[in-house]
N, C-alpha and C. Protein backbone atom coordinates (compact mmCIF):
# COMPACT_ATOMS: atom_id res chain seq x y z
N UNK A 1 0.85 -1.19 0.00
CA UNK A 1 0.00 0.00 0.00
C UNK A 1 0.89 1.24 0.00
N UNK A 2 0.93 1.99 1.08
CA UNK A 2 1.72 3.21 1.14
C UNK A 2 3.10 2.87 1.69
N UNK A 3 4.14 3.17 0.93
CA UNK A 3 5.48 2.78 1.32
C UNK A 3 6.26 3.91 1.94
N UNK A 4 5.99 5.11 1.57
CA UNK A 4 6.73 6.24 2.08
C UNK A 4 6.26 6.58 3.49
N UNK A 5 7.16 6.54 4.46
CA UNK A 5 6.80 6.79 5.86
C UNK A 5 6.27 8.20 6.08
N UNK A 6 6.77 9.18 5.34
CA UNK A 6 6.29 10.55 5.51
C UNK A 6 4.85 10.67 5.03
N UNK A 7 4.52 10.04 3.93
CA UNK A 7 3.15 10.08 3.42
C UNK A 7 2.22 9.34 4.39
N UNK A 8 2.66 8.20 4.89
CA UNK A 8 1.86 7.46 5.86
C UNK A 8 1.61 8.30 7.10
N UNK A 9 2.63 9.02 7.57
CA UNK A 9 2.48 9.89 8.73
C UNK A 9 1.45 10.98 8.45
N UNK A 10 1.52 11.62 7.27
CA UNK A 10 0.56 12.66 6.92
C UNK A 10 -0.87 12.12 6.90
N UNK A 11 -1.04 10.95 6.31
CA UNK A 11 -2.37 10.35 6.24
C UNK A 11 -2.88 9.98 7.62
N UNK A 12 -2.03 9.39 8.44
CA UNK A 12 -2.44 9.01 9.80
C UNK A 12 -2.81 10.23 10.63
N UNK A 13 -2.02 11.29 10.53
CA UNK A 13 -2.30 12.52 11.28
C UNK A 13 -3.59 13.16 10.80
N UNK A 14 -3.78 13.23 9.50
CA UNK A 14 -5.00 13.79 8.92
C UNK A 14 -6.21 12.98 9.38
N UNK A 15 -6.10 11.67 9.32
CA UNK A 15 -7.21 10.79 9.72
C UNK A 15 -7.56 11.01 11.19
N UNK A 16 -6.55 11.09 12.04
CA UNK A 16 -6.79 11.32 13.46
C UNK A 16 -7.55 12.63 13.67
N UNK A 17 -7.13 13.68 12.98
CA UNK A 17 -7.79 14.98 13.12
C UNK A 17 -9.22 14.95 12.60
N UNK A 18 -9.45 14.23 11.52
CA UNK A 18 -10.82 14.10 11.00
C UNK A 18 -11.71 13.36 11.98
N UNK A 19 -11.19 12.28 12.55
CA UNK A 19 -11.98 11.50 13.52
C UNK A 19 -12.34 12.37 14.73
N UNK A 20 -11.38 13.11 15.24
CA UNK A 20 -11.64 13.97 16.40
C UNK A 20 -12.74 14.99 16.10
N UNK A 21 -12.67 15.60 14.92
CA UNK A 21 -13.69 16.60 14.56
C UNK A 21 -15.06 15.98 14.36
N UNK A 22 -15.10 14.80 13.75
CA UNK A 22 -16.39 14.12 13.54
C UNK A 22 -17.02 13.76 14.89
N UNK A 23 -16.21 13.24 15.80
CA UNK A 23 -16.71 12.88 17.12
C UNK A 23 -17.29 14.11 17.81
N UNK A 24 -16.54 15.20 17.77
CA UNK A 24 -16.97 16.44 18.43
C UNK A 24 -18.22 17.03 17.78
N UNK A 25 -18.20 17.19 16.47
CA UNK A 25 -19.29 17.88 15.77
C UNK A 25 -20.59 17.07 15.69
N UNK A 26 -20.47 15.75 15.61
CA UNK A 26 -21.67 14.92 15.46
C UNK A 26 -22.05 14.18 16.75
N UNK A 27 -21.26 14.35 17.80
CA UNK A 27 -21.56 13.71 19.07
C UNK A 27 -21.47 12.19 19.01
N UNK A 28 -20.47 11.69 18.30
CA UNK A 28 -20.34 10.25 18.11
C UNK A 28 -19.39 9.64 19.13
N UNK A 29 -19.48 8.33 19.28
CA UNK A 29 -18.51 7.60 20.08
C UNK A 29 -17.22 7.49 19.25
N UNK A 30 -16.16 7.04 19.89
CA UNK A 30 -14.90 6.86 19.18
C UNK A 30 -15.07 5.86 18.05
N UNK A 31 -15.72 4.74 18.32
CA UNK A 31 -15.94 3.72 17.29
C UNK A 31 -16.76 4.28 16.13
N UNK A 32 -17.81 5.02 16.44
CA UNK A 32 -18.65 5.61 15.39
C UNK A 32 -17.86 6.63 14.57
N UNK A 33 -17.02 7.41 15.23
CA UNK A 33 -16.19 8.38 14.52
C UNK A 33 -15.20 7.71 13.59
N UNK A 34 -14.56 6.66 14.09
CA UNK A 34 -13.63 5.90 13.25
C UNK A 34 -14.35 5.29 12.06
N UNK A 35 -15.51 4.69 12.31
CA UNK A 35 -16.29 4.10 11.22
C UNK A 35 -16.68 5.15 10.19
N UNK A 36 -17.10 6.32 10.66
CA UNK A 36 -17.54 7.38 9.74
C UNK A 36 -16.40 7.79 8.81
N UNK A 37 -15.21 7.94 9.35
CA UNK A 37 -14.08 8.38 8.53
C UNK A 37 -13.58 7.25 7.63
N UNK A 38 -13.32 6.08 8.23
CA UNK A 38 -12.74 4.99 7.46
C UNK A 38 -13.67 4.44 6.38
N UNK A 39 -14.97 4.61 6.54
CA UNK A 39 -15.92 4.12 5.54
C UNK A 39 -16.38 5.20 4.57
N UNK A 40 -15.77 6.37 4.63
CA UNK A 40 -16.18 7.47 3.76
C UNK A 40 -15.49 7.38 2.40
N UNK A 41 -16.14 8.01 1.43
CA UNK A 41 -15.53 8.13 0.10
C UNK A 41 -14.29 9.02 0.19
N UNK A 42 -14.34 10.01 1.07
CA UNK A 42 -13.19 10.90 1.22
C UNK A 42 -11.96 10.11 1.63
N UNK A 43 -12.08 9.20 2.59
CA UNK A 43 -10.92 8.43 3.04
C UNK A 43 -10.32 7.64 1.87
N UNK A 44 -11.18 7.05 1.05
CA UNK A 44 -10.68 6.33 -0.13
C UNK A 44 -9.90 7.27 -1.04
N UNK A 45 -10.36 8.50 -1.16
CA UNK A 45 -9.68 9.46 -2.02
C UNK A 45 -8.39 9.97 -1.38
N UNK A 46 -8.37 10.06 -0.05
CA UNK A 46 -7.13 10.45 0.63
C UNK A 46 -6.06 9.40 0.38
N UNK A 47 -6.44 8.13 0.40
CA UNK A 47 -5.49 7.04 0.16
C UNK A 47 -5.00 6.98 -1.28
N UNK A 48 -5.77 7.57 -2.20
CA UNK A 48 -5.35 7.66 -3.59
C UNK A 48 -4.40 8.85 -3.71
N UNK A 49 -3.12 8.56 -3.71
CA UNK A 49 -2.12 9.62 -3.66
C UNK A 49 -2.19 10.58 -4.84
N UNK A 50 -2.78 10.14 -5.94
CA UNK A 50 -2.90 11.01 -7.11
C UNK A 50 -3.82 12.21 -6.87
N UNK A 51 -4.73 12.10 -5.88
CA UNK A 51 -5.65 13.21 -5.59
C UNK A 51 -4.95 14.35 -4.86
N UNK A 52 -3.89 14.03 -4.13
CA UNK A 52 -3.19 15.04 -3.35
C UNK A 52 -3.91 15.46 -2.08
N UNK A 53 -5.01 14.83 -1.76
CA UNK A 53 -5.76 15.22 -0.56
C UNK A 53 -5.00 14.94 0.72
N UNK A 54 -4.10 13.98 0.70
CA UNK A 54 -3.37 13.62 1.91
C UNK A 54 -2.49 14.75 2.43
N UNK A 55 -2.11 15.70 1.58
CA UNK A 55 -1.30 16.81 2.07
C UNK A 55 -2.07 18.12 2.17
N UNK A 56 -3.38 18.06 1.98
CA UNK A 56 -4.22 19.22 2.23
C UNK A 56 -4.52 19.32 3.72
N UNK A 57 -4.97 20.45 4.16
CA UNK A 57 -5.22 20.67 5.58
C UNK A 57 -6.40 19.81 6.07
N UNK A 58 -6.40 19.58 7.38
CA UNK A 58 -7.50 18.86 8.00
C UNK A 58 -8.80 19.65 7.82
N UNK A 59 -8.71 20.97 7.89
CA UNK A 59 -9.90 21.81 7.72
C UNK A 59 -10.52 21.66 6.34
N UNK A 60 -9.68 21.67 5.33
CA UNK A 60 -10.16 21.50 3.96
C UNK A 60 -10.82 20.13 3.79
N UNK A 61 -10.13 19.09 4.25
CA UNK A 61 -10.67 17.74 4.13
C UNK A 61 -11.93 17.57 4.96
N UNK A 62 -11.98 18.23 6.11
CA UNK A 62 -13.17 18.10 6.95
C UNK A 62 -14.39 18.72 6.28
N UNK A 63 -14.20 19.81 5.56
CA UNK A 63 -15.34 20.39 4.82
C UNK A 63 -15.91 19.36 3.85
N UNK A 64 -15.05 18.65 3.16
CA UNK A 64 -15.50 17.62 2.22
C UNK A 64 -16.18 16.47 2.96
N UNK A 65 -15.59 16.05 4.08
CA UNK A 65 -16.16 14.95 4.85
C UNK A 65 -17.50 15.34 5.45
N UNK A 66 -17.59 16.54 5.99
CA UNK A 66 -18.85 17.00 6.59
C UNK A 66 -19.97 16.99 5.56
N UNK A 67 -19.67 17.51 4.37
CA UNK A 67 -20.67 17.53 3.30
C UNK A 67 -21.09 16.10 2.95
N UNK A 68 -20.12 15.21 2.87
CA UNK A 68 -20.44 13.81 2.56
C UNK A 68 -21.31 13.18 3.64
N UNK A 69 -21.00 13.43 4.89
CA UNK A 69 -21.78 12.83 5.97
C UNK A 69 -23.18 13.43 6.08
N UNK A 70 -23.30 14.72 5.86
CA UNK A 70 -24.61 15.38 5.98
C UNK A 70 -25.48 15.10 4.76
N UNK A 71 -24.89 15.20 3.57
CA UNK A 71 -25.67 15.07 2.34
C UNK A 71 -25.64 13.66 1.76
N UNK A 72 -24.76 12.81 2.29
CA UNK A 72 -24.70 11.44 1.81
C UNK A 72 -23.97 11.26 0.50
N UNK A 73 -23.23 12.29 0.09
CA UNK A 73 -22.49 12.17 -1.16
C UNK A 73 -21.20 12.94 -1.05
N UNK A 74 -20.20 12.48 -1.77
CA UNK A 74 -18.90 13.17 -1.79
C UNK A 74 -18.98 14.33 -2.76
N UNK A 75 -18.47 15.47 -2.33
CA UNK A 75 -18.53 16.68 -3.18
C UNK A 75 -17.51 16.62 -4.29
């Protein structure tokens, strides 16, 4: 999968920040927050290094995730 340790670190840090925001904003448990992020279309796109989303800010990615969770579709 991802071989570069720096890219893996960026993705892991971004994912952690997204989970924390989802838990806070939607009042979810840790498990529910993890499920929401890991099962999102956004997470799949973050893992696709060609999109470049892995090096965008957590705030930018959270806007996309929030829209996906609220509207049920990836923007």
